[in-house]
PDB file of N, CA and C in Angstrom:
ATOM      1  N   UNK A   1       1.311   5.841  -3.607  1.00  0.00           N
ATOM      2  CA  UNK A   1       1.133   4.202  -3.881  1.00  0.00           C
ATOM      3  C   UNK A   1       0.281   3.701  -2.980  1.00  0.00           C
ATOM      4  N   UNK A   2      -0.224   2.444  -3.637  1.00  0.00           N
ATOM      5  CA  UNK A   2      -1.062   1.726  -2.805  1.00  0.00           C
ATOM      6  C   UNK A   2      -0.829   0.105  -2.687  1.00  0.00           C
ATOM      7  N   UNK A   3      -1.240  -0.402  -1.574  1.00  0.00           N
ATOM      8  CA  UNK A   3      -1.012  -1.653  -1.262  1.00  0.00           C
ATOM      9  C   UNK A   3      -2.397  -2.145  -1.277  1.00  0.00           C
ATOM     10  N   UNK A   4      -3.035  -3.275  -2.256  1.00  0.00           N
ATOM     11  CA  UNK A   4      -4.177  -3.773  -2.561  1.00  0.00           C
ATOM     12  C   UNK A   4      -3.959  -5.120  -2.127  1.00  0.00           C
ATOM     13  N   UNK A   5      -4.676  -5.341  -0.875  1.00  0.00           N
ATOM     14  CA  UNK A   5      -4.725  -6.850  -0.368  1.00  0.00           C
ATOM     15  C   UNK A   5      -6.116  -7.499  -0.644  1.00  0.00           C
ATOM     16  N   UNK A   6      -5.851  -8.514  -1.256  1.00  0.00           N
ATOM     17  CA  UNK A   6      -6.825  -9.659  -1.763  1.00  0.00           C
ATOM     18  C   UNK A   6      -7.046 -10.685  -1.117  1.00  0.00           C
ATOM     19  N   UNK A   7      -8.144 -11.228  -0.499  1.00  0.00           N
ATOM     20  CA  UNK A   7      -8.267 -12.474   0.157  1.00  0.00           C
ATOM     21  C   UNK A   7      -9.025 -13.108  -0.959  1.00  0.00           C
ATOM     22  N   UNK A   8      -8.601 -14.285  -1.506  1.00  0.00           N
ATOM     23  CA  UNK A   8      -8.931 -15.116  -2.346  1.00  0.00           C
ATOM     24  C   UNK A   8      -9.204 -16.600  -2.534  1.00  0.00           C
ATOM     25  N   UNK A   9     -10.067 -17.120  -3.112  1.00  0.00           N
ATOM     26  CA  UNK A   9      -9.923 -18.579  -3.343  1.00  0.00           C
ATOM     27  C   UNK A   9      -8.637 -19.112  -3.975  1.00  0.00           C
ATOM     28  N   UNK A  10      -8.059 -20.065  -3.306  1.00  0.00           N
ATOM     29  CA  UNK A  10      -6.572 -20.505  -3.965  1.00  0.00           C
ATOM     30  C   UNK A  10      -6.466 -20.902  -5.366  1.00  0.00           C
ATOM     31  N   UNK A  11      -7.541 -21.489  -5.913  1.00  0.00           N
ATOM     32  CA  UNK A  11      -7.650 -22.023  -7.401  1.00  0.00           C
ATOM     33  C   UNK A  11      -7.782 -21.019  -8.148  1.00  0.00           C
ATOM     34  N   UNK A  12      -7.977 -19.519  -7.999  1.00  0.00           N
ATOM     35  CA  UNK A  12      -8.093 -18.568  -8.782  1.00  0.00           C
ATOM     36  C   UNK A  12      -6.808 -17.850  -9.072  1.00  0.00           C
ATOM     37  N   UNK A  13      -5.717 -18.054  -8.163  1.00  0.00           N
ATOM     38  CA  UNK A  13      -4.344 -17.436  -7.961  1.00  0.00           C
ATOM     39  C   UNK A  13      -3.611 -17.463  -9.487  1.00  0.00           C
ATOM     40  N   UNK A  14      -3.660 -18.638 -10.095  1.00  0.00           N
ATOM     41  CA  UNK A  14      -2.861 -18.672 -11.348  1.00  0.00           C
ATOM     42  C   UNK A  14      -3.527 -17.745 -12.350  1.00  0.00           C
ATOM     43  N   UNK A  15      -4.847 -17.595 -12.620  1.00  0.00           N
ATOM     44  CA  UNK A  15      -5.304 -16.600 -13.368  1.00  0.00           C
ATOM     45  C   UNK A  15      -5.067 -15.163 -13.269  1.00  0.00           C
ATOM     46  N   UNK A  16      -5.073 -14.763 -11.945  1.00  0.00           N
ATOM     47  CA  UNK A  16      -4.963 -13.427 -11.510  1.00  0.00           C
ATOM     48  C   UNK A  16      -3.447 -13.174 -11.459  1.00  0.00           C
ATOM     49  N   UNK A  17      -2.574 -14.062 -11.305  1.00  0.00           N
ATOM     50  CA  UNK A  17      -0.903 -13.592 -11.265  1.00  0.00           C
ATOM     51  C   UNK A  17      -0.802 -13.287 -12.931  1.00  0.00           C
ATOM     52  N   UNK A  18      -1.364 -14.227 -13.704  1.00  0.00           N
ATOM     53  CA  UNK A  18      -0.987 -14.263 -15.279  1.00  0.00           C
ATOM     54  C   UNK A  18      -1.624 -12.960 -15.476  1.00  0.00           C
ATOM     55  N   UNK A  19      -2.750 -12.446 -15.235  1.00  0.00           N
ATOM     56  CA  UNK A  19      -3.404 -11.236 -15.696  1.00  0.00           C
ATOM     57  C   UNK A  19      -2.673 -10.226 -15.093  1.00  0.00           C
ATOM     58  N   UNK A  20      -2.032  -9.882 -13.633  1.00  0.00           N
ATOM     59  CA  UNK A  20      -1.539  -9.019 -13.305  1.00  0.00           C
ATOM     60  C   UNK A  20       0.000  -8.716 -14.115  1.00  0.00           C
ATOM     61  N   UNK A  21       0.487  -9.943 -14.455  1.00  0.00           N
ATOM     62  CA  UNK A  21       1.939  -9.836 -15.168  1.00  0.00           C
ATOM     63  C   UNK A  21       1.607  -9.328 -16.673  1.00  0.00           C
ATOM     64  N   UNK A  22       0.383  -9.582 -17.221  1.00  0.00           N
ATOM     65  CA  UNK A  22       0.211  -9.173 -18.544  1.00  0.00           C
ATOM     66  C   UNK A  22      -0.140  -7.530 -18.460  1.00  0.00           C
ATOM     67  N   UNK A  23      -0.420  -7.054 -17.424  1.00  0.00           N
ATOM     68  CA  UNK A  23      -0.534  -5.574 -17.400  1.00  0.00           C
ATOM     69  C   UNK A  23       0.531  -4.965 -16.971  1.00  0.00           C
ATOM     70  N   UNK A  24       1.673  -5.810 -16.499  1.00  0.00           N
ATOM     71  CA  UNK A  24       3.037  -5.054 -16.034  1.00  0.00           C
ATOM     72  C   UNK A  24       3.066  -4.500 -14.706  1.00  0.00           C
ATOM     73  N   UNK A  25       2.023  -5.452 -13.648  1.00  0.00           N
ATOM     74  CA  UNK A  25       2.157  -5.555 -12.268  1.00  0.00           C
ATOM     75  C   UNK A  25       3.034  -6.714 -11.661  1.00  0.00           C
ATOM     76  N   UNK A  26       4.109  -6.403 -11.359  1.00  0.00           N
ATOM     77  CA  UNK A  26       5.213  -7.610 -10.957  1.00  0.00           C
ATOM     78  C   UNK A  26       5.464  -7.360  -9.238  1.00  0.00           C
ATOM     79  N   UNK A  27       4.818  -5.996  -8.621  1.00  0.00           N
ATOM     80  CA  UNK A  27       5.460  -6.110  -7.278  1.00  0.00           C
ATOM     81  C   UNK A  27       4.324  -6.735  -6.512  1.00  0.00           C
ATOM     82  N   UNK A  28       4.245  -7.918  -6.177  1.00  0.00           N
ATOM     83  CA  UNK A  28       3.318  -8.565  -5.455  1.00  0.00           C
ATOM     84  C   UNK A  28       3.754  -9.661  -4.614  1.00  0.00           C
ATOM     85  N   UNK A  29       2.825 -10.064  -3.606  1.00  0.00           N
ATOM     86  CA  UNK A  29       3.480 -10.923  -2.545  1.00  0.00           C
ATOM     87  C   UNK A  29       2.101 -11.836  -2.321  1.00  0.00           C
ATOM     88  N   UNK A  30       2.639 -13.272  -2.120  1.00  0.00           N
ATOM     89  CA  UNK A  30       1.478 -14.386  -2.017  1.00  0.00           C
ATOM     90  C   UNK A  30       1.719 -15.092  -0.838  1.00  0.00           C
ATOM     91  N   UNK A  31       0.721 -15.102  -0.076  1.00  0.00           N
ATOM     92  CA  UNK A  31       0.776 -15.787   1.298  1.00  0.00           C
ATOM     93  C   UNK A  31      -0.398 -16.907   1.505  1.00  0.00           C
ATOM     94  N   UNK A  32      -0.265 -18.185   1.713  1.00  0.00           N
ATOM     95  CA  UNK A  32      -1.103 -19.199   2.023  1.00  0.00           C
ATOM     96  C   UNK A  32      -1.601 -18.958   3.042  1.00  0.00           C
ATOM     97  N   UNK A  33      -3.050 -18.818   3.241  1.00  0.00           N
ATOM     98  CA  UNK A  33      -3.525 -18.701   4.627  1.00  0.00           C
ATOM     99  C   UNK A  33      -4.900 -19.513   4.581  1.00  0.00           C
ATOM    100  N   UNK A  34      -5.580 -19.675   5.822  1.00  0.00           N
ATOM    101  CA  UNK A  34      -6.659 -20.262   5.914  1.00  0.00           C
ATOM    102  C   UNK A  34      -7.808 -19.306   6.620  1.00  0.00           C
ATOM    103  N   UNK A  35      -9.008 -19.390   6.259  1.00  0.00           N
ATOM    104  CA  UNK A  35      -9.866 -18.282   6.512  1.00  0.00           C
ATOM    105  C   UNK A  35     -11.453 -18.645   6.690  1.00  0.00           C
ATOM    106  N   UNK A  36     -12.151 -17.938   6.594  1.00  0.00           N
ATOM    107  CA  UNK A  36     -13.801 -18.220   6.645  1.00  0.00           C
ATOM    108  C   UNK A  36     -14.471 -17.994   5.314  1.00  0.00           C
ATOM    109  N   UNK A  37     -13.855 -17.734   4.500  1.00  0.00           N
ATOM    110  CA  UNK A  37     -14.533 -17.753   2.938  1.00  0.00           C
ATOM    111  C   UNK A  37     -15.344 -19.155   2.828  1.00  0.00           C
ATOM    112  N   UNK A  38     -16.729 -18.942   2.063  1.00  0.00           N
ATOM    113  CA  UNK A  38     -17.373 -20.246   1.858  1.00  0.00           C
ATOM    114  C   UNK A  38     -16.622 -20.971   0.733  1.00  0.00           C
ATOM    115  N   UNK A  39     -16.380 -21.995   1.310  1.00  0.00           N
ATOM    116  CA  UNK A  39     -15.453 -22.954   0.323  1.00  0.00           C
ATOM    117  C   UNK A  39     -16.270 -23.359  -0.985  1.00  0.00           C
ATOM    118  N   UNK A  40     -15.435 -23.330  -2.133  1.00  0.00           N
ATOM    119  CA  UNK A  40     -16.094 -23.482  -3.533  1.00  0.00           C
ATOM    120  C   UNK A  40     -16.500 -25.096  -3.556  1.00  0.00           C
ATOM    121  N   UNK A  41     -15.533 -25.877  -2.974  1.00  0.00           N
ATOM    122  CA  UNK A  41     -15.679 -27.118  -2.856  1.00  0.00           C
ATOM    123  C   UNK A  41     -15.124 -27.615  -1.558  1.00  0.00           C
ATOM    124  N   UNK A  42     -15.473 -29.022  -1.044  1.00  0.00           N
ATOM    125  CA  UNK A  42     -14.924 -29.467  -0.051  1.00  0.00           C
ATOM    126  C   UNK A  42     -13.278 -29.797   0.010  1.00  0.00           C
ATOM    127  N   UNK A  43     -12.945 -29.969  -1.173  1.00  0.00           N
ATOM    128  CA  UNK A  43     -11.303 -30.052  -1.410  1.00  0.00           C
ATOM    129  C   UNK A  43     -10.658 -28.541  -0.841  1.00  0.00           C
ATOM    130  N   UNK A  44     -11.417 -27.409  -0.879  1.00  0.00           N
ATOM    131  CA  UNK A  44     -10.679 -26.242  -0.145  1.00  0.00           C
ATOM    132  C   UNK A  44     -10.715 -26.344   1.196  1.00  0.00           C
ATOM    133  N   UNK A  45     -11.454 -27.199   1.947  1.00  0.00           N
ATOM    134  CA  UNK A  45     -11.630 -27.189   3.304  1.00  0.00           C
ATOM    135  C   UNK A  45     -10.456 -28.123   4.221  1.00  0.00           C
ATOM    136  N   UNK A  46     -10.297 -27.502   5.193  1.00  0.00           N
ATOM    137  CA  UNK A  46      -9.407 -28.415   6.427  1.00  0.00           C
ATOM    138  C   UNK A  46     -10.262 -28.093   7.511  1.00  0.00           C
ATOM    139  N   UNK A  47     -10.040 -29.015   8.525  1.00  0.00           N
ATOM    140  CA  UNK A  47     -10.789 -28.970   9.974  1.00  0.00           C
ATOM    141  C   UNK A  47      -9.730 -28.364  10.785  1.00  0.00           C
ATOM    142  N   UNK A  48      -9.991 -27.480  11.516  1.00  0.00           N
ATOM    143  CA  UNK A  48      -8.930 -26.652  12.396  1.00  0.00           C
ATOM    144  C   UNK A  48      -9.275 -27.350  13.779  1.00  0.00           C
ATOM    145  N   UNK A  49      -8.472 -27.950  14.183  1.00  0.00           N
ATOM    146  CA  UNK A  49      -8.553 -28.548  15.725  1.00  0.00           C
ATOM    147  C   UNK A  49      -8.655 -27.576  16.544  1.00  0.00           C
ATOM    148  N   UNK A  50      -7.664 -26.525  16.401  1.00  0.00           N
ATOM    149  CA  UNK A  50      -7.491 -25.210  17.371  1.00  0.00           C
ATOM    150  C   UNK A  50      -8.766 -24.605  17.347  1.00  0.00           C
ATOM    151  N   UNK A  51      -9.505 -24.475  16.240  1.00  0.00           N
ATOM    152  CA  UNK A  51     -10.758 -23.301  16.279  1.00  0.00           C
ATOM    153  C   UNK A  51     -12.029 -24.203  16.245  1.00  0.00           C
ATOM    154  N   UNK A  52     -11.896 -25.615  15.957  1.00  0.00           N
ATOM    155  CA  UNK A  52     -13.203 -26.541  16.125  1.00  0.00           C
ATOM    156  C   UNK A  52     -14.148 -26.185  14.989  1.00  0.00           C
ATOM    157  N   UNK A  53     -13.408 -25.909  13.844  1.00  0.00           N
ATOM    158  CA  UNK A  53     -14.415 -25.730  12.845  1.00  0.00           C
ATOM    159  C   UNK A  53     -13.699 -25.838  11.372  1.00  0.00           C
ATOM    160  N   UNK A  54     -14.460 -25.923  10.419  1.00  0.00           N
ATOM    161  CA  UNK A  54     -13.785 -26.161   8.936  1.00  0.00           C
ATOM    162  C   UNK A  54     -13.204 -24.646   8.724  1.00  0.00           C
ATOM    163  N   UNK A  55     -12.179 -24.493   8.047  1.00  0.00           N
ATOM    164  CA  UNK A  55     -11.291 -23.512   7.416  1.00  0.00           C
ATOM    165  C   UNK A  55     -11.194 -23.608   6.073  1.00  0.00           C
ATOM    166  N   UNK A  56     -11.376 -22.595   5.309  1.00  0.00           N
ATOM    167  CA  UNK A  56     -11.066 -22.631   3.873  1.00  0.00           C
ATOM    168  C   UNK A  56      -9.695 -22.239   3.378  1.00  0.00           C
ATOM    169  N   UNK A  57      -8.852 -23.045   2.616  1.00  0.00           N
ATOM    170  CA  UNK A  57      -7.651 -22.892   2.094  1.00  0.00           C
ATOM    171  C   UNK A  57      -8.044 -21.343   1.320  1.00  0.00           C
ATOM    172  N   UNK A  58      -7.139 -20.332   1.531  1.00  0.00           N
ATOM    173  CA  UNK A  58      -6.980 -18.888   0.783  1.00  0.00           C
ATOM    174  C   UNK A  58      -5.969 -18.615   0.737  1.00  0.00           C
ATOM    175  N   UNK A  59      -5.780 -17.365  -0.259  1.00  0.00           N
ATOM    176  CA  UNK A  59      -4.591 -16.961  -0.594  1.00  0.00           C
ATOM    177  C   UNK A  59      -4.681 -15.389  -0.122  1.00  0.00           C
ATOM    178  N   UNK A  60      -3.664 -14.904   0.555  1.00  0.00           N
ATOM    179  CA  UNK A  60      -3.826 -13.447   0.644  1.00  0.00           C
ATOM    180  C   UNK A  60      -2.559 -12.945  -0.446  1.00  0.00           C
ATOM    181  N   UNK A  61      -3.267 -12.138  -1.217  1.00  0.00           N
ATOM    182  CA  UNK A  61      -2.488 -11.523  -2.390  1.00  0.00           C
ATOM    183  C   UNK A  61      -2.192  -9.891  -2.116  1.00  0.00           C
ATOM    184  N   UNK A  62      -1.090  -9.488  -2.122  1.00  0.00           N
ATOM    185  CA  UNK A  62      -0.605  -7.972  -1.798  1.00  0.00           C
ATOM    186  C   UNK A  62      -0.383  -7.524  -3.373  1.00  0.00           C
ATOM    187  N   UNK A  63      -0.529  -6.502  -3.661  1.00  0.00           N
ATOM    188  CA  UNK A  63      -0.330  -5.971  -4.837  1.00  0.00           C
ATOM    189  C   UNK A  63       0.077  -4.345  -4.496  1.00  0.00           C
ATOM    190  N   UNK A  64       1.332  -4.157  -5.033  1.00  0.00           N
ATOM    191  CA  UNK A  64       1.872  -2.756  -4.429  1.00  0.00           C
ATOM    192  C   UNK A  64       2.152  -2.151  -5.718  1.00  0.00           C
ATOM    193  N   UNK A  65       1.188  -1.002  -6.088  1.00  0.00           N
ATOM    194  CA  UNK A  65       1.105  -0.364  -7.441  1.00  0.00           C
ATOM    195  C   UNK A  65       0.908   1.151  -7.192  1.00  0.00           C
ATOM    196  N   UNK A  66       1.042   1.867  -8.133  1.00  0.00           N
ATOM    197  CA  UNK A  66       0.964   3.318  -8.319  1.00  0.00           C
ATOM    198  C   UNK A  66      -0.515   3.749  -8.109  1.00  0.00           C
ATOM    199  N   UNK A  67      -0.692   4.878  -7.583  1.00  0.00           N
ATOM    200  CA  UNK A  67      -2.127   5.237  -7.376  1.00  0.00           C
ATOM    201  C   UNK A  67      -2.997   5.317  -8.665  1.00  0.00           C
ATOM    202  N   UNK A  68      -2.372   5.598  -9.831  1.00  0.00           N
ATOM    203  CA  UNK A  68      -3.101   5.698 -11.004  1.00  0.00           C
ATOM    204  C   UNK A  68      -3.498   4.380 -11.564  1.00  0.00           C
ATOM    205  N   UNK A  69      -2.840   3.274 -10.931  1.00  0.00           N
ATOM    206  CA  UNK A  69      -3.083   1.953 -11.595  1.00  0.00           C
ATOM    207  C   UNK A  69      -4.048   1.154 -10.513  1.00  0.00           C
ATOM    208  N   UNK A  70      -4.284   1.852  -9.525  1.00  0.00           N
ATOM    209  CA  UNK A  70      -5.257   0.921  -8.565  1.00  0.00           C
ATOM    210  C   UNK A  70      -6.472   0.549  -8.967  1.00  0.00           C
ATOM    211  N   UNK A  71      -7.171   1.444  -9.532  1.00  0.00           N
ATOM    212  CA  UNK A  71      -8.663   1.099 -10.219  1.00  0.00           C
ATOM    213  C   UNK A  71      -8.511  -0.119 -11.179  1.00  0.00           C
ATOM    214  N   UNK A  72      -7.461  -0.060 -11.684  1.00  0.00           N
ATOM    215  CA  UNK A  72      -7.259  -1.152 -12.927  1.00  0.00           C
ATOM    216  C   UNK A  72      -7.047  -2.425 -12.035  1.00  0.00           C
ATOM    217  N   UNK A  73      -6.067  -2.464 -11.128  1.00  0.00           N
ATOM    218  CA  UNK A  73      -5.816  -3.597 -10.448  1.00  0.00           C
ATOM    219  C   UNK A  73      -6.912  -4.397  -9.940  1.00  0.00           C
ATOM    220  N   UNK A  74      -7.677  -3.271  -9.016  1.00  0.00           N
ATOM    221  CA  UNK A  74      -9.062  -3.781  -8.553  1.00  0.00           C
ATOM    222  C   UNK A  74      -9.776  -4.279  -9.660  1.00  0.00           C
ATOM    223  N   UNK A  75     -10.027  -3.759 -10.617  1.00  0.00           N
ATOM    224  CA  UNK A  75     -10.994  -4.382 -11.417  1.00  0.00           C
ATOM    225  C   UNK A  75     -10.522  -5.802 -12.131  1.00  0.00           C
ATOM    226  N   UNK A  76      -9.450  -5.989 -12.032  1.00  0.00           N
ATOM    227  CA  UNK A  76      -8.698  -7.218 -12.627  1.00  0.00           C
ATOM    228  C   UNK A  76      -8.943  -8.338 -11.443  1.00  0.00           C
ATOM    229  N   UNK A  77      -8.663  -8.013 -10.213  1.00  0.00           N
ATOM    230  CA  UNK A  77      -8.919  -8.771  -9.168  1.00  0.00           C
ATOM    231  C   UNK A  77     -10.411  -9.263  -9.057  1.00  0.00           C
ATOM    232  N   UNK A  78     -11.332  -8.317  -9.327  1.00  0.00           N
ATOM    233  CA  UNK A  78     -12.751  -8.668  -9.278  1.00  0.00           C
ATOM    234  C   UNK A  78     -13.100  -9.593 -10.437  1.00  0.00           C
ATOM    235  N   UNK A  79     -12.332  -9.317 -11.529  1.00  0.00           N
ATOM    236  CA  UNK A  79     -12.883 -10.000 -12.677  1.00  0.00           C
ATOM    237  C   UNK A  79     -12.424 -11.410 -12.582  1.00  0.00           C
ATOM    238  N   UNK A  80     -11.033 -11.690 -12.349  1.00  0.00           N
ATOM    239  CA  UNK A  80     -10.441 -12.957 -12.410  1.00  0.00           C
ATOM    240  C   UNK A  80     -10.751 -13.712 -10.931  1.00  0.00           C
ATOM    241  N   UNK A  81     -11.109 -12.999 -10.067  1.00  0.00           N
ATOM    242  CA  UNK A  81     -11.120 -13.776  -8.538  1.00  0.00           C
ATOM    243  C   UNK A  81     -12.683 -14.513  -8.441  1.00  0.00           C
ATOM    244  N   UNK A  82     -13.456 -14.168  -9.459  1.00  0.00           N
ATOM    245  CA  UNK A  82     -14.825 -14.620  -9.221  1.00  0.00           C
ATOM    246  C   UNK A  82     -14.804 -16.051  -9.291  1.00  0.00           C
ATOM    247  N   UNK A  83     -15.850 -16.704  -8.482  1.00  0.00           N
ATOM    248  CA  UNK A  83     -16.002 -18.039  -8.247  1.00  0.00           C
ATOM    249  C   UNK A  83     -17.479 -18.611  -8.674  1.00  0.00           C
ATOM    250  N   UNK A  84     -18.210 -17.764  -8.968  1.00  0.00           N
ATOM    251  CA  UNK A  84     -19.686 -17.953  -8.873  1.00  0.00           C
ATOM    252  C   UNK A  84     -20.568 -17.943  -7.580  1.00  0.00           C
ATOM    253  N   UNK A  85     -19.778 -17.565  -6.664  1.00  0.00           N
ATOM    254  CA  UNK A  85     -20.435 -17.502  -5.101  1.00  0.00           C
ATOM    255  C   UNK A  85     -20.914 -15.942  -5.070  1.00  0.00           C
ATOM    256  N   UNK A  86     -21.481 -15.849  -4.208  1.00  0.00           N
ATOM    257  CA  UNK A  86     -22.057 -14.439  -4.014  1.00  0.00           C
ATOM    258  C   UNK A  86     -20.901 -13.580  -3.452  1.00  0.00           C
ATOM    259  N   UNK A  87     -20.156 -13.905  -2.382  1.00  0.00           N
ATOM    260  CA  UNK A  87     -19.022 -13.413  -2.049  1.00  0.00           C
ATOM    261  C   UNK A  87     -17.778 -14.265  -2.145  1.00  0.00           C
ATOM    262  N   UNK A  88     -16.935 -13.944  -3.235  1.00  0.00           N
ATOM    263  CA  UNK A  88     -15.866 -14.935  -3.408  1.00  0.00           C
ATOM    264  C   UNK A  88     -14.396 -14.559  -2.716  1.00  0.00           C
ATOM    265  N   UNK A  89     -14.389 -13.318  -2.086  1.00  0.00           N
ATOM    266  CA  UNK A  89     -13.258 -12.957  -1.353  1.00  0.00           C
ATOM    267  C   UNK A  89     -13.384 -11.430  -1.178  1.00  0.00           C
ATOM    268  N   UNK A  90     -12.591 -10.648  -0.684  1.00  0.00           N
ATOM    269  CA  UNK A  90     -12.336  -9.358  -0.264  1.00  0.00           C
ATOM    270  C   UNK A  90     -11.120  -8.667  -0.801  1.00  0.00           C
ATOM    271  N   UNK A  91     -11.211  -7.256  -1.104  1.00  0.00           N
ATOM    272  CA  UNK A  91     -10.164  -6.581  -1.653  1.00  0.00           C
ATOM    273  C   UNK A  91     -10.200  -5.408  -0.574  1.00  0.00           C
ATOM    274  N   UNK A  92      -8.959  -5.155  -0.259  1.00  0.00           N
ATOM    275  CA  UNK A  92      -8.555  -3.921   0.893  1.00  0.00           C
ATOM    276  C   UNK A  92      -7.737  -2.907   0.256  1.00  0.00           C
ATOM    277  N   UNK A  93      -7.653  -1.737   0.477  1.00  0.00           N
ATOM    278  CA  UNK A  93      -6.868  -0.926  -0.203  1.00  0.00           C
ATOM    279  C   UNK A  93      -6.212   0.257   0.753  1.00  0.00           C
ATOM    280  N   UNK A  94      -4.804   0.210   0.865  1.00  0.00           N
ATOM    281  CA  UNK A  94      -4.307   0.957   1.923  1.00  0.00           C
ATOM    282  C   UNK A  94      -3.252   2.014   0.952  1.00  0.00           C
ATOM    283  N   UNK A  95      -2.972   3.151   1.494  1.00  0.00           N
ATOM    284  CA  UNK A  95      -2.439   4.084   1.207  1.00  0.00           C
ATOM    285  C   UNK A  95      -0.738   3.797   1.590  1.00  0.00           C
ATOM    286  N   UNK A  96       0.368   3.892   0.742  1.00  0.00           N
ATOM    287  CA  UNK A  96       1.611   3.957   1.324  1.00  0.00           C
ATOM    288  C   UNK A  96       2.190   5.065   1.064  1.00  0.00           C
ATOM    289  N   UNK A  97       2.984   5.360   2.169  1.00  0.00           N
ATOM    290  CA  UNK A  97       3.743   6.610   2.068  1.00  0.00           C
ATOM    291  C   UNK A  97       5.198   6.735   1.389  1.00  0.00           C
ATOM    292  N   UNK A  98       5.893   5.611   1.217  1.00  0.00           N
ATOM    293  CA  UNK A  98       7.078   5.419   0.826  1.00  0.00           C
ATOM    294  C   UNK A  98       7.262   3.892   0.130  1.00  0.00           C
ATOM    295  N   UNK A  99       8.250   4.027  -1.005  1.00  0.00           N
ATOM    296  CA  UNK A  99       8.513   2.701  -1.625  1.00  0.00           C
ATOM    297  C   UNK A  99       9.840   2.865  -1.760  1.00  0.00           C
ATOM    298  N   UNK A 100      10.785   1.976  -1.201  1.00  0.00           N
ATOM    299  CA  UNK A 100      12.279   1.981  -1.385  1.00  0.00           C
ATOM    300  C   UNK A 100      12.691   0.789  -1.877  1.00  0.00           C
ATOM    301  N   UNK A 101      13.401   0.942  -3.238  1.00  0.00           N
ATOM    302  CA  UNK A 101      13.915  -0.342  -3.519  1.00  0.00           C
ATOM    303  C   UNK A 101      15.290  -0.580  -2.876  1.00  0.00           C
ATOM    304  N   UNK A 102      15.429  -1.904  -2.827  1.00  0.00           N
ATOM    305  CA  UNK A 102      16.666  -2.503  -2.166  1.00  0.00           C
ATOM    306  C   UNK A 102      17.711  -2.623  -3.309  1.00  0.00           C
ATOM    307  N   UNK A 103      18.711  -2.161  -3.422  1.00  0.00           N
ATOM    308  CA  UNK A 103      19.643  -2.497  -4.646  1.00  0.00           C
ATOM    309  C   UNK A 103      21.054  -3.134  -4.103  1.00  0.00           C
ATOM    310  N   UNK A 104      21.669  -3.635  -5.038  1.00  0.00           N
ATOM    311  CA  UNK A 104      22.726  -4.452  -4.498  1.00  0.00           C
ATOM    312  C   UNK A 104      24.216  -3.731  -4.219  1.00  0.00           C
ATOM    313  N   UNK A 105      24.045  -2.389  -3.898  1.00  0.00           N
ATOM    314  CA  UNK A 105      25.200  -1.633  -3.640  1.00  0.00           C
ATOM    315  C   UNK A 105      25.446  -1.809  -2.194  1.00  0.00           C
ATOM    316  N   UNK A 106      26.960  -2.134  -1.839  1.00  0.00           N
ATOM    317  CA  UNK A 106      27.038  -2.309  -0.074  1.00  0.00           C
ATOM    318  C   UNK A 106      27.717  -0.831   0.370  1.00  0.00           C
ATOM    319  N   UNK A 107      27.499  -0.592   1.669  1.00  0.00           N
ATOM    320  CA  UNK A 107      27.791   0.670   2.231  1.00  0.00           C
ATOM    321  C   UNK A 107      29.147   0.461   2.810  1.00  0.00           C
TER     322      UNK A 107
END
């Protein structure tokens, strides 16, 4: 199993989630974050008083998929995450050793 983490521009999220759902990928987590990606527009930026510089509103998207699906998930993220910038985000891939469903049975 793989954990594919993508740091993306927030305005690409809707298209990406719809594309993931269309191919049956539903195990995902979305975290709103701030980072140092180049902003696509000034609307994506906030000034961080703590850091003393502009930060870009980003999304951290984690997709948990079977090994055989990893390449297609990565291709989907690259295709739908594009912004026209040279670097529009980053994708990281990690191996997972186990996946355990939480069921409704009480012990």
